Each structure stands twice: as C-alpha cells, then as structure tokens.
Amino acid sequence: MRLLGALLRQGWRGVAVLTAAGMLSACATGLSRSPALDEEPPAPPAPPPPNVTMLADWRGVITPADRDRYQRREAAWTVALEQARRLGGSGDLEALGALIDPQATLNDPVVPEGRYRCRTVKLGNTGDDEDLGYVVYGWFACRITRTDEGLTLTKLTGSQRVRGVFYPESETHMVLLGAMALANEARAPKYGQREDRDVVATLERIGERRWRVVTPWPQVESNLDILELVPAA
C-alpha cells in the first residue's frame, strides 16, 4: 500500500509535467502552422508602361463568319493556287516568287510604321472556268501607323481600300481585323458593323523588307487576296 501510494503520488506529478509539456508543444505547433507575422503579402502586379496600348485578344473581337474564314485559310491557298495555275490570268504569276508561296513565312512579322507601296494579287475566282484564275494589280499607296487601337494598316488609294488593326498571334503571323471602303467612300466602316465589308487576314513577313497581308475567302471576286507591302522609296 505504501509503495502504491508513492507511485500514485509520483505518477500524478508526472502526469502534470507531461500535461504542461503537451500544452506548450500544442501552442508551439499551432503557432508554426499559422502564417508568419514577418512575411510580406505578395506584391500587386505592375501597371503597364506609359504610352503602351493594351490590345484586346482578337478572339474576343472576331465575328463568327470571319473566324470560319480564318480557320480555313489553308484550304483557301490550295483552291486559289490550283485555279490560278489552271485557268491563267492577268500578269506574270511565277515572277511573284515568295509572295504566292504559302510556306514562305519568316519569323518576326511586325511591320514598322511608315509609308508603303502596296499591290493586290487576287488568286482564284468565285465564278466558273470562263473567268480569270488570277489578277496582278499595279502599285498603290498604304500606310502603317500606331494608333490607340494598335498597329494599323490603311490602304490609301485604289477602289478597294482596307483599314484594319493587327493583333499579335504567333512568331510567324499577326491577325488583321478590318473593313473595306469601296470606290469614292470617305472611309471604311468599323469592323463588325457591316458583315459584307469585314476583312480577316494574316500579316506575314516574306523577306528582309517585304510583307504580305493574306485574306482567305474574301467577300467578292477571288478565293484568296494577297496585299504585298514594301517600304516606299
């Protein structure tokens, strides 16, 4: 009985010691699981640099009809080139070189601001085999400017004058969304206002100072339009 009492008395003291140690351990553990008081919250994202235009994603701007044309641009190349070579046309097709080669694209498609000479090549036709398979037009005037909308193309002369904005897309091409002014109209409508005037195209670099704007399935006449751009002298 004396031994049992001694053990019990020593045991209760041990329990008290263990209980106190357990509480301290729990408190320490709880503190270690909570965020450290000296940790700084993550910094907010930096604001955009001044005078830099933040472009919308073209996928949120493009119309369903133009999205379909854009997605079928490889087919437009195939059909248009087959018709052009089979039916013949106006101008020297083979002399165009890389301009009509769908694989001729180079990296870094961005075109610098400035004035350009530009000419249109229409490939294929939407009629029958009695129509021309291609037409190579003469040179007109174009301008590339940086506006609040982004890098913008304006064809200044000619009876079909496109104006549109270039949107970044890949290492080899940008996407143009724009609209066409015809004949003596003062300006083109805004993109999306008139479906029959809307233009979707790709901007591609094909030489040291040579670019092309390729329009698959244009609204009228052809199955592929190419607008060549070279800096004005």
C-alpha atoms as a PDB file:
ATOM      1  CA  MET A   1       0.000   0.000   0.000  1.00  0.00           C
ATOM      2  CA  ARG A   2       2.835   2.433   0.878  1.00  0.00           C
ATOM      3  CA  LEU A   3       4.561   1.590  -2.419  1.00  0.00           C
ATOM      4  CA  LEU A   4       1.330   2.032  -4.377  1.00  0.00           C
ATOM      5  CA  GLY A   5       0.729   5.390  -2.708  1.00  0.00           C
ATOM      6  CA  ALA A   6       4.246   6.537  -3.542  1.00  0.00           C
ATOM      7  CA  LEU A   7       3.812   5.514  -7.150  1.00  0.00           C
ATOM      8  CA  LEU A   8       0.493   7.250  -7.389  1.00  0.00           C
ATOM      9  CA  ARG A   9       1.886  10.399  -5.832  1.00  0.00           C
ATOM     10  CA  GLN A  10       4.869  10.347  -8.233  1.00  0.00           C
ATOM     11  CA  GLY A  11       2.536   9.433 -11.129  1.00  0.00           C
ATOM     12  CA  TRP A  12       0.273  12.419 -10.667  1.00  0.00           C
ATOM     13  CA  ARG A  13       3.291  14.687 -10.634  1.00  0.00           C
ATOM     14  CA  GLY A  14       4.458  13.033 -13.897  1.00  0.00           C
ATOM     15  CA  VAL A  15       1.042  13.491 -15.451  1.00  0.00           C
ATOM     16  CA  ALA A  16       1.081  17.163 -14.519  1.00  0.00           C
ATOM     17  CA  VAL A  17       4.516  17.608 -16.043  1.00  0.00           C
ATOM     18  CA  LEU A  18       3.507  15.773 -19.245  1.00  0.00           C
ATOM     19  CA  THR A  19       0.277  17.757 -19.474  1.00  0.00           C
ATOM     20  CA  ALA A  20       2.103  21.077 -19.171  1.00  0.00           C
ATOM     21  CA  ALA A  21       4.686  19.987 -21.763  1.00  0.00           C
ATOM     22  CA  GLY A  22       1.894  18.865 -24.090  1.00  0.00           C
ATOM     23  CA  MET A  23       0.144  22.224 -23.848  1.00  0.00           C
ATOM     24  CA  LEU A  24       3.354  24.084 -24.637  1.00  0.00           C
ATOM     25  CA  SER A  25       4.011  21.753 -27.544  1.00  0.00           C
ATOM     26  CA  ALA A  26       0.482  22.283 -28.894  1.00  0.00           C
ATOM     27  CA  CYS A  27       0.849  26.037 -28.627  1.00  0.00           C
ATOM     28  CA  ALA A  28       4.165  25.917 -30.429  1.00  0.00           C
ATOM     29  CA  THR A  29       2.698  23.695 -33.131  1.00  0.00           C
ATOM     30  CA  GLY A  30      -0.295  25.975 -33.564  1.00  0.00           C
ATOM     31  CA  LEU A  31       1.949  28.990 -33.965  1.00  0.00           C
ATOM     32  CA  SER A  32       4.120  27.243 -36.512  1.00  0.00           C
ATOM     33  CA  ARG A  33       1.073  26.424 -38.700  1.00  0.00           C
ATOM     34  CA  SER A  34      -0.228  29.987 -38.790  1.00  0.00           C
ATOM     35  CA  PRO A  35       1.242  32.498 -41.259  1.00  0.00           C
ATOM     36  CA  ALA A  36       4.455  34.071 -40.053  1.00  0.00           C
ATOM     37  CA  LEU A  37       3.933  37.565 -38.826  1.00  0.00           C
ATOM     38  CA  ASP A  38       7.032  38.862 -40.587  1.00  0.00           C
ATOM     39  CA  GLU A  39       6.036  37.526 -44.048  1.00  0.00           C
ATOM     40  CA  GLU A  40       5.108  40.255 -46.553  1.00  0.00           C
ATOM     41  CA  PRO A  41       1.969  39.835 -48.703  1.00  0.00           C
ATOM     42  CA  PRO A  42       2.577  39.254 -52.450  1.00  0.00           C
ATOM     43  CA  ALA A  43       3.195  42.432 -54.396  1.00  0.00           C
ATOM     44  CA  PRO A  44       0.398  43.629 -56.736  1.00  0.00           C
ATOM     45  CA  PRO A  45       1.048  43.311 -60.496  1.00  0.00           C
ATOM     46  CA  ALA A  46       2.990  46.182 -62.004  1.00  0.00           C
ATOM     47  CA  PRO A  47       0.972  48.722 -64.017  1.00  0.00           C
ATOM     48  CA  PRO A  48       1.502  48.733 -67.798  1.00  0.00           C
ATOM     49  CA  PRO A  49       4.314  51.009 -69.022  1.00  0.00           C
ATOM     50  CA  PRO A  50       3.194  54.515 -70.035  1.00  0.00           C
ATOM     51  CA  ASN A  51       2.150  55.101 -73.647  1.00  0.00           C
ATOM     52  CA  VAL A  52       1.736  51.374 -74.322  1.00  0.00           C
ATOM     53  CA  THR A  53      -1.527  50.263 -75.928  1.00  0.00           C
ATOM     54  CA  MET A  54      -3.036  47.192 -74.277  1.00  0.00           C
ATOM     55  CA  LEU A  55      -4.573  45.196 -77.127  1.00  0.00           C
ATOM     56  CA  ALA A  56      -7.631  43.030 -76.797  1.00  0.00           C
ATOM     57  CA  ASP A  57      -7.334  39.386 -77.836  1.00  0.00           C
ATOM     58  CA  TRP A  58      -8.578  39.153 -81.423  1.00  0.00           C
ATOM     59  CA  ARG A  59     -10.556  36.038 -80.477  1.00  0.00           C
ATOM     60  CA  GLY A  60     -12.876  38.239 -78.459  1.00  0.00           C
ATOM     61  CA  VAL A  61     -13.337  40.655 -81.371  1.00  0.00           C
ATOM     62  CA  ILE A  62     -13.659  38.459 -84.466  1.00  0.00           C
ATOM     63  CA  THR A  63     -17.094  37.648 -85.893  1.00  0.00           C
ATOM     64  CA  PRO A  64     -18.217  34.012 -86.313  1.00  0.00           C
ATOM     65  CA  ALA A  65     -18.108  34.310 -90.124  1.00  0.00           C
ATOM     66  CA  ASP A  66     -14.545  35.627 -90.085  1.00  0.00           C
ATOM     67  CA  ARG A  67     -13.460  33.026 -87.551  1.00  0.00           C
ATOM     68  CA  ASP A  68     -14.615  30.378 -90.026  1.00  0.00           C
ATOM     69  CA  ARG A  69     -12.674  32.016 -92.880  1.00  0.00           C
ATOM     70  CA  TYR A  70      -9.561  32.315 -90.733  1.00  0.00           C
ATOM     71  CA  GLN A  71      -9.696  28.663 -89.724  1.00  0.00           C
ATOM     72  CA  ARG A  72      -9.981  27.581 -93.379  1.00  0.00           C
ATOM     73  CA  ARG A  73      -7.124  29.672 -94.732  1.00  0.00           C
ATOM     74  CA  GLU A  74      -5.017  26.653 -95.782  1.00  0.00           C
ATOM     75  CA  ALA A  75      -7.899  25.434 -97.935  1.00  0.00           C
ATOM     76  CA  ALA A  76      -8.150  28.907 -99.486  1.00  0.00           C
ATOM     77  CA  TRP A  77      -4.484  28.731-100.522  1.00  0.00           C
ATOM     78  CA  THR A  78      -4.973  25.301-102.085  1.00  0.00           C
ATOM     79  CA  VAL A  79      -8.104  26.186-104.066  1.00  0.00           C
ATOM     80  CA  ALA A  80      -6.862  29.605-105.177  1.00  0.00           C
ATOM     81  CA  LEU A  81      -3.448  28.433-106.411  1.00  0.00           C
ATOM     82  CA  GLU A  82      -4.961  25.487-108.273  1.00  0.00           C
ATOM     83  CA  GLN A  83      -7.397  27.781-110.075  1.00  0.00           C
ATOM     84  CA  ALA A  84      -4.718  30.376-110.813  1.00  0.00           C
ATOM     85  CA  ARG A  85      -2.351  27.881-112.428  1.00  0.00           C
ATOM     86  CA  ARG A  86      -5.045  26.007-114.292  1.00  0.00           C
ATOM     87  CA  LEU A  87      -7.040  28.938-115.632  1.00  0.00           C
ATOM     88  CA  GLY A  88      -4.314  31.514-116.216  1.00  0.00           C
ATOM     89  CA  GLY A  89      -4.839  35.212-115.684  1.00  0.00           C
ATOM     90  CA  SER A  90      -3.552  38.756-115.944  1.00  0.00           C
ATOM     91  CA  GLY A  91       0.117  39.371-115.090  1.00  0.00           C
ATOM     92  CA  ASP A  92       3.192  37.217-114.510  1.00  0.00           C
ATOM     93  CA  LEU A  93       2.261  34.772-111.774  1.00  0.00           C
ATOM     94  CA  GLU A  94       5.584  32.956-111.496  1.00  0.00           C
ATOM     95  CA  ALA A  95       7.532  36.216-111.178  1.00  0.00           C
ATOM     96  CA  LEU A  96       5.816  36.836-107.824  1.00  0.00           C
ATOM     97  CA  GLY A  97       8.058  34.271-106.142  1.00  0.00           C
ATOM     98  CA  ALA A  98       7.670  34.060-102.358  1.00  0.00           C
ATOM     99  CA  LEU A  99       4.583  36.257-102.471  1.00  0.00           C
ATOM    100  CA  ILE A 100       2.431  33.306-103.593  1.00  0.00           C
ATOM    101  CA  ASP A 101       4.294  30.600-101.655  1.00  0.00           C
ATOM    102  CA  PRO A 102       2.207  29.653 -98.595  1.00  0.00           C
ATOM    103  CA  GLN A 103       5.348  28.294 -96.873  1.00  0.00           C
ATOM    104  CA  ALA A 104       7.442  31.443 -97.346  1.00  0.00           C
ATOM    105  CA  THR A 105       6.683  32.994 -93.955  1.00  0.00           C
ATOM    106  CA  LEU A 106       9.545  34.141 -91.739  1.00  0.00           C
ATOM    107  CA  ASN A 107       9.698  34.917 -88.021  1.00  0.00           C
ATOM    108  CA  ASP A 108       9.066  38.424 -86.653  1.00  0.00           C
ATOM    109  CA  PRO A 109       6.068  39.542 -88.746  1.00  0.00           C
ATOM    110  CA  VAL A 110       5.686  43.023 -87.206  1.00  0.00           C
ATOM    111  CA  VAL A 111       5.804  45.700 -89.904  1.00  0.00           C
ATOM    112  CA  PRO A 112       7.382  49.076 -88.971  1.00  0.00           C
ATOM    113  CA  GLU A 113       5.386  52.296 -89.094  1.00  0.00           C
ATOM    114  CA  GLY A 114       5.663  54.337 -92.256  1.00  0.00           C
ATOM    115  CA  ARG A 115       4.508  54.653 -95.859  1.00  0.00           C
ATOM    116  CA  TYR A 116       4.487  51.663 -98.169  1.00  0.00           C
ATOM    117  CA  ARG A 117       3.958  50.740-101.773  1.00  0.00           C
ATOM    118  CA  CYS A 118       1.315  48.037-101.925  1.00  0.00           C
ATOM    119  CA  ARG A 119      -0.258  45.913-104.632  1.00  0.00           C
ATOM    120  CA  THR A 120      -3.010  43.327-104.621  1.00  0.00           C
ATOM    121  CA  VAL A 121      -2.873  39.880-106.179  1.00  0.00           C
ATOM    122  CA  LYS A 122      -6.211  38.082-106.455  1.00  0.00           C
ATOM    123  CA  LEU A 123      -5.981  34.299-106.757  1.00  0.00           C
ATOM    124  CA  GLY A 124      -8.826  32.022-107.882  1.00  0.00           C
ATOM    125  CA  ASN A 125     -12.371  33.092-108.664  1.00  0.00           C
ATOM    126  CA  THR A 126     -15.866  32.564-107.371  1.00  0.00           C
ATOM    127  CA  GLY A 127     -17.403  32.213-110.847  1.00  0.00           C
ATOM    128  CA  ASP A 128     -16.707  29.494-113.397  1.00  0.00           C
ATOM    129  CA  ASP A 129     -13.844  28.363-115.611  1.00  0.00           C
ATOM    130  CA  GLU A 130     -14.531  31.174-118.052  1.00  0.00           C
ATOM    131  CA  ASP A 131     -13.247  33.717-115.532  1.00  0.00           C
ATOM    132  CA  LEU A 132      -9.607  34.585-114.902  1.00  0.00           C
ATOM    133  CA  GLY A 133      -7.738  32.463-112.397  1.00  0.00           C
ATOM    134  CA  TYR A 134      -5.693  35.382-111.077  1.00  0.00           C
ATOM    135  CA  VAL A 135      -5.090  39.127-111.458  1.00  0.00           C
ATOM    136  CA  VAL A 136      -1.908  41.010-110.525  1.00  0.00           C
ATOM    137  CA  TYR A 137      -2.716  44.685-109.940  1.00  0.00           C
ATOM    138  CA  GLY A 138      -0.407  47.684-110.071  1.00  0.00           C
ATOM    139  CA  TRP A 139       1.076  49.546-107.130  1.00  0.00           C
ATOM    140  CA  PHE A 140      -0.927  51.749-104.762  1.00  0.00           C
ATOM    141  CA  ALA A 141      -0.163  53.590-101.518  1.00  0.00           C
ATOM    142  CA  CYS A 142      -0.520  52.191 -97.997  1.00  0.00           C
ATOM    143  CA  ARG A 143       0.372  53.454 -94.548  1.00  0.00           C
ATOM    144  CA  ILE A 144       1.208  51.718 -91.272  1.00  0.00           C
ATOM    145  CA  THR A 145       0.568  53.772 -88.121  1.00  0.00           C
ATOM    146  CA  ARG A 146       0.384  53.139 -84.387  1.00  0.00           C
ATOM    147  CA  THR A 147      -2.949  54.316 -83.024  1.00  0.00           C
ATOM    148  CA  ASP A 148      -4.914  53.908 -79.796  1.00  0.00           C
ATOM    149  CA  GLU A 149      -6.306  50.712 -81.331  1.00  0.00           C
ATOM    150  CA  GLY A 150      -2.871  49.272 -82.087  1.00  0.00           C
ATOM    151  CA  LEU A 151      -0.707  48.861 -85.180  1.00  0.00           C
ATOM    152  CA  THR A 152      -3.000  49.861 -88.063  1.00  0.00           C
ATOM    153  CA  LEU A 153      -2.947  49.341 -91.833  1.00  0.00           C
ATOM    154  CA  THR A 154      -4.657  51.827 -94.147  1.00  0.00           C
ATOM    155  CA  LYS A 155      -4.722  51.400 -97.914  1.00  0.00           C
ATOM    156  CA  LEU A 156      -4.829  54.975 -99.146  1.00  0.00           C
ATOM    157  CA  THR A 157      -5.539  54.607-102.871  1.00  0.00           C
ATOM    158  CA  GLY A 158      -7.437  52.269-105.166  1.00  0.00           C
ATOM    159  CA  SER A 159     -11.064  51.250-105.485  1.00  0.00           C
ATOM    160  CA  GLN A 160     -10.886  48.677-102.651  1.00  0.00           C
ATOM    161  CA  ARG A 161      -9.233  50.164 -99.564  1.00  0.00           C
ATOM    162  CA  VAL A 162      -8.856  48.126 -96.414  1.00  0.00           C
ATOM    163  CA  ARG A 163      -8.293  49.590 -92.962  1.00  0.00           C
ATOM    164  CA  GLY A 164      -7.628  47.282 -90.050  1.00  0.00           C
ATOM    165  CA  VAL A 165      -5.774  46.585 -86.823  1.00  0.00           C
ATOM    166  CA  PHE A 166      -3.025  43.960 -86.429  1.00  0.00           C
ATOM    167  CA  TYR A 167      -3.257  41.689 -83.377  1.00  0.00           C
ATOM    168  CA  PRO A 168      -0.301  39.573 -82.143  1.00  0.00           C
ATOM    169  CA  GLU A 169      -0.756  35.857 -82.699  1.00  0.00           C
ATOM    170  CA  SER A 170       2.436  33.843 -83.309  1.00  0.00           C
ATOM    171  CA  GLU A 171       6.102  34.059 -84.251  1.00  0.00           C
ATOM    172  CA  THR A 172       5.171  33.955 -87.947  1.00  0.00           C
ATOM    173  CA  HIS A 173       1.945  35.933 -88.300  1.00  0.00           C
ATOM    174  CA  MET A 174      -0.336  38.589 -86.878  1.00  0.00           C
ATOM    175  CA  VAL A 175      -4.117  38.708 -87.349  1.00  0.00           C
ATOM    176  CA  LEU A 176      -5.732  41.672 -89.095  1.00  0.00           C
ATOM    177  CA  LEU A 177      -9.361  42.554 -88.434  1.00  0.00           C
ATOM    178  CA  GLY A 178     -10.658  45.410 -90.552  1.00  0.00           C
ATOM    179  CA  ALA A 179     -13.146  46.545 -93.144  1.00  0.00           C
ATOM    180  CA  MET A 180     -13.199  47.668 -96.761  1.00  0.00           C
ATOM    181  CA  ALA A 181     -14.022  51.070 -98.241  1.00  0.00           C
ATOM    182  CA  LEU A 182     -15.163  50.977-101.876  1.00  0.00           C
ATOM    183  CA  ALA A 183     -14.931  53.470-104.751  1.00  0.00           C
ATOM    184  CA  ASN A 184     -15.366  57.053-103.520  1.00  0.00           C
ATOM    185  CA  GLU A 185     -16.377  56.296 -99.933  1.00  0.00           C
ATOM    186  CA  ALA A 186     -14.601  58.566 -97.482  1.00  0.00           C
ATOM    187  CA  ARG A 187     -13.693  55.798 -95.029  1.00  0.00           C
ATOM    188  CA  ALA A 188     -14.218  52.151 -94.250  1.00  0.00           C
ATOM    189  CA  PRO A 189     -16.838  51.147 -91.683  1.00  0.00           C
ATOM    190  CA  LYS A 190     -15.654  49.882 -88.336  1.00  0.00           C
ATOM    191  CA  TYR A 191     -15.012  46.192 -88.075  1.00  0.00           C
ATOM    192  CA  GLY A 192     -18.192  44.282 -87.236  1.00  0.00           C
ATOM    193  CA  GLN A 193     -20.601  46.991 -88.444  1.00  0.00           C
ATOM    194  CA  ARG A 194     -21.141  45.516 -91.911  1.00  0.00           C
ATOM    195  CA  GLU A 195     -20.508  41.833 -92.468  1.00  0.00           C
ATOM    196  CA  ASP A 196     -20.221  42.308 -96.241  1.00  0.00           C
ATOM    197  CA  ARG A 197     -17.276  44.697 -95.715  1.00  0.00           C
ATOM    198  CA  ASP A 198     -15.446  42.889 -92.908  1.00  0.00           C
ATOM    199  CA  VAL A 199     -11.933  41.592 -93.575  1.00  0.00           C
ATOM    200  CA  VAL A 200      -9.911  38.969 -91.709  1.00  0.00           C
ATOM    201  CA  ALA A 201      -6.320  38.456 -92.832  1.00  0.00           C
ATOM    202  CA  THR A 202      -2.858  37.455 -91.673  1.00  0.00           C
ATOM    203  CA  LEU A 203       0.243  39.653 -91.751  1.00  0.00           C
ATOM    204  CA  GLU A 204       3.379  37.714 -92.684  1.00  0.00           C
ATOM    205  CA  ARG A 205       6.977  38.689 -93.390  1.00  0.00           C
ATOM    206  CA  ILE A 206       8.404  37.059 -96.528  1.00  0.00           C
ATOM    207  CA  GLY A 207      11.699  38.936 -96.979  1.00  0.00           C
ATOM    208  CA  GLU A 208      14.146  41.405 -95.493  1.00  0.00           C
ATOM    209  CA  ARG A 209      11.809  44.347 -96.211  1.00  0.00           C
ATOM    210  CA  ARG A 210       8.797  42.605 -97.698  1.00  0.00           C
ATOM    211  CA  TRP A 211       5.457  41.670 -96.115  1.00  0.00           C
ATOM    212  CA  ARG A 212       2.124  40.328 -97.248  1.00  0.00           C
ATOM    213  CA  VAL A 213      -1.418  40.595 -95.917  1.00  0.00           C
ATOM    214  CA  VAL A 214      -3.275  37.411 -96.857  1.00  0.00           C
ATOM    215  CA  THR A 215      -7.093  37.431 -96.920  1.00  0.00           C
ATOM    216  CA  PRO A 216      -8.683  33.959 -97.168  1.00  0.00           C
ATOM    217  CA  TRP A 217     -12.120  33.700 -98.802  1.00  0.00           C
ATOM    218  CA  PRO A 218     -12.618  37.457 -99.419  1.00  0.00           C
ATOM    219  CA  GLN A 219     -16.133  38.819 -99.786  1.00  0.00           C
ATOM    220  CA  VAL A 220     -16.009  39.211-103.590  1.00  0.00           C
ATOM    221  CA  GLU A 221     -14.297  38.007-106.778  1.00  0.00           C
ATOM    222  CA  SER A 222     -11.490  35.712-105.596  1.00  0.00           C
ATOM    223  CA  ASN A 223     -10.706  32.919-103.139  1.00  0.00           C
ATOM    224  CA  LEU A 224      -7.510  34.460-101.766  1.00  0.00           C
ATOM    225  CA  ASP A 225      -6.272  38.063-101.817  1.00  0.00           C
ATOM    226  CA  ILE A 226      -2.650  38.998-101.147  1.00  0.00           C
ATOM    227  CA  LEU A 227      -1.628  42.589-100.435  1.00  0.00           C
ATOM    228  CA  GLU A 228       2.129  42.983-100.841  1.00  0.00           C
ATOM    229  CA  LEU A 229       3.858  45.667 -98.750  1.00  0.00           C
ATOM    230  CA  VAL A 230       7.295  47.156 -99.420  1.00  0.00           C
ATOM    231  CA  PRO A 231       8.619  50.431 -97.963  1.00  0.00           C
ATOM    232  CA  ALA A 232       8.044  53.462-100.138  1.00  0.00           C
ATOM    233  CA  ALA A 233      11.223  54.979-101.590  1.00  0.00           C
END
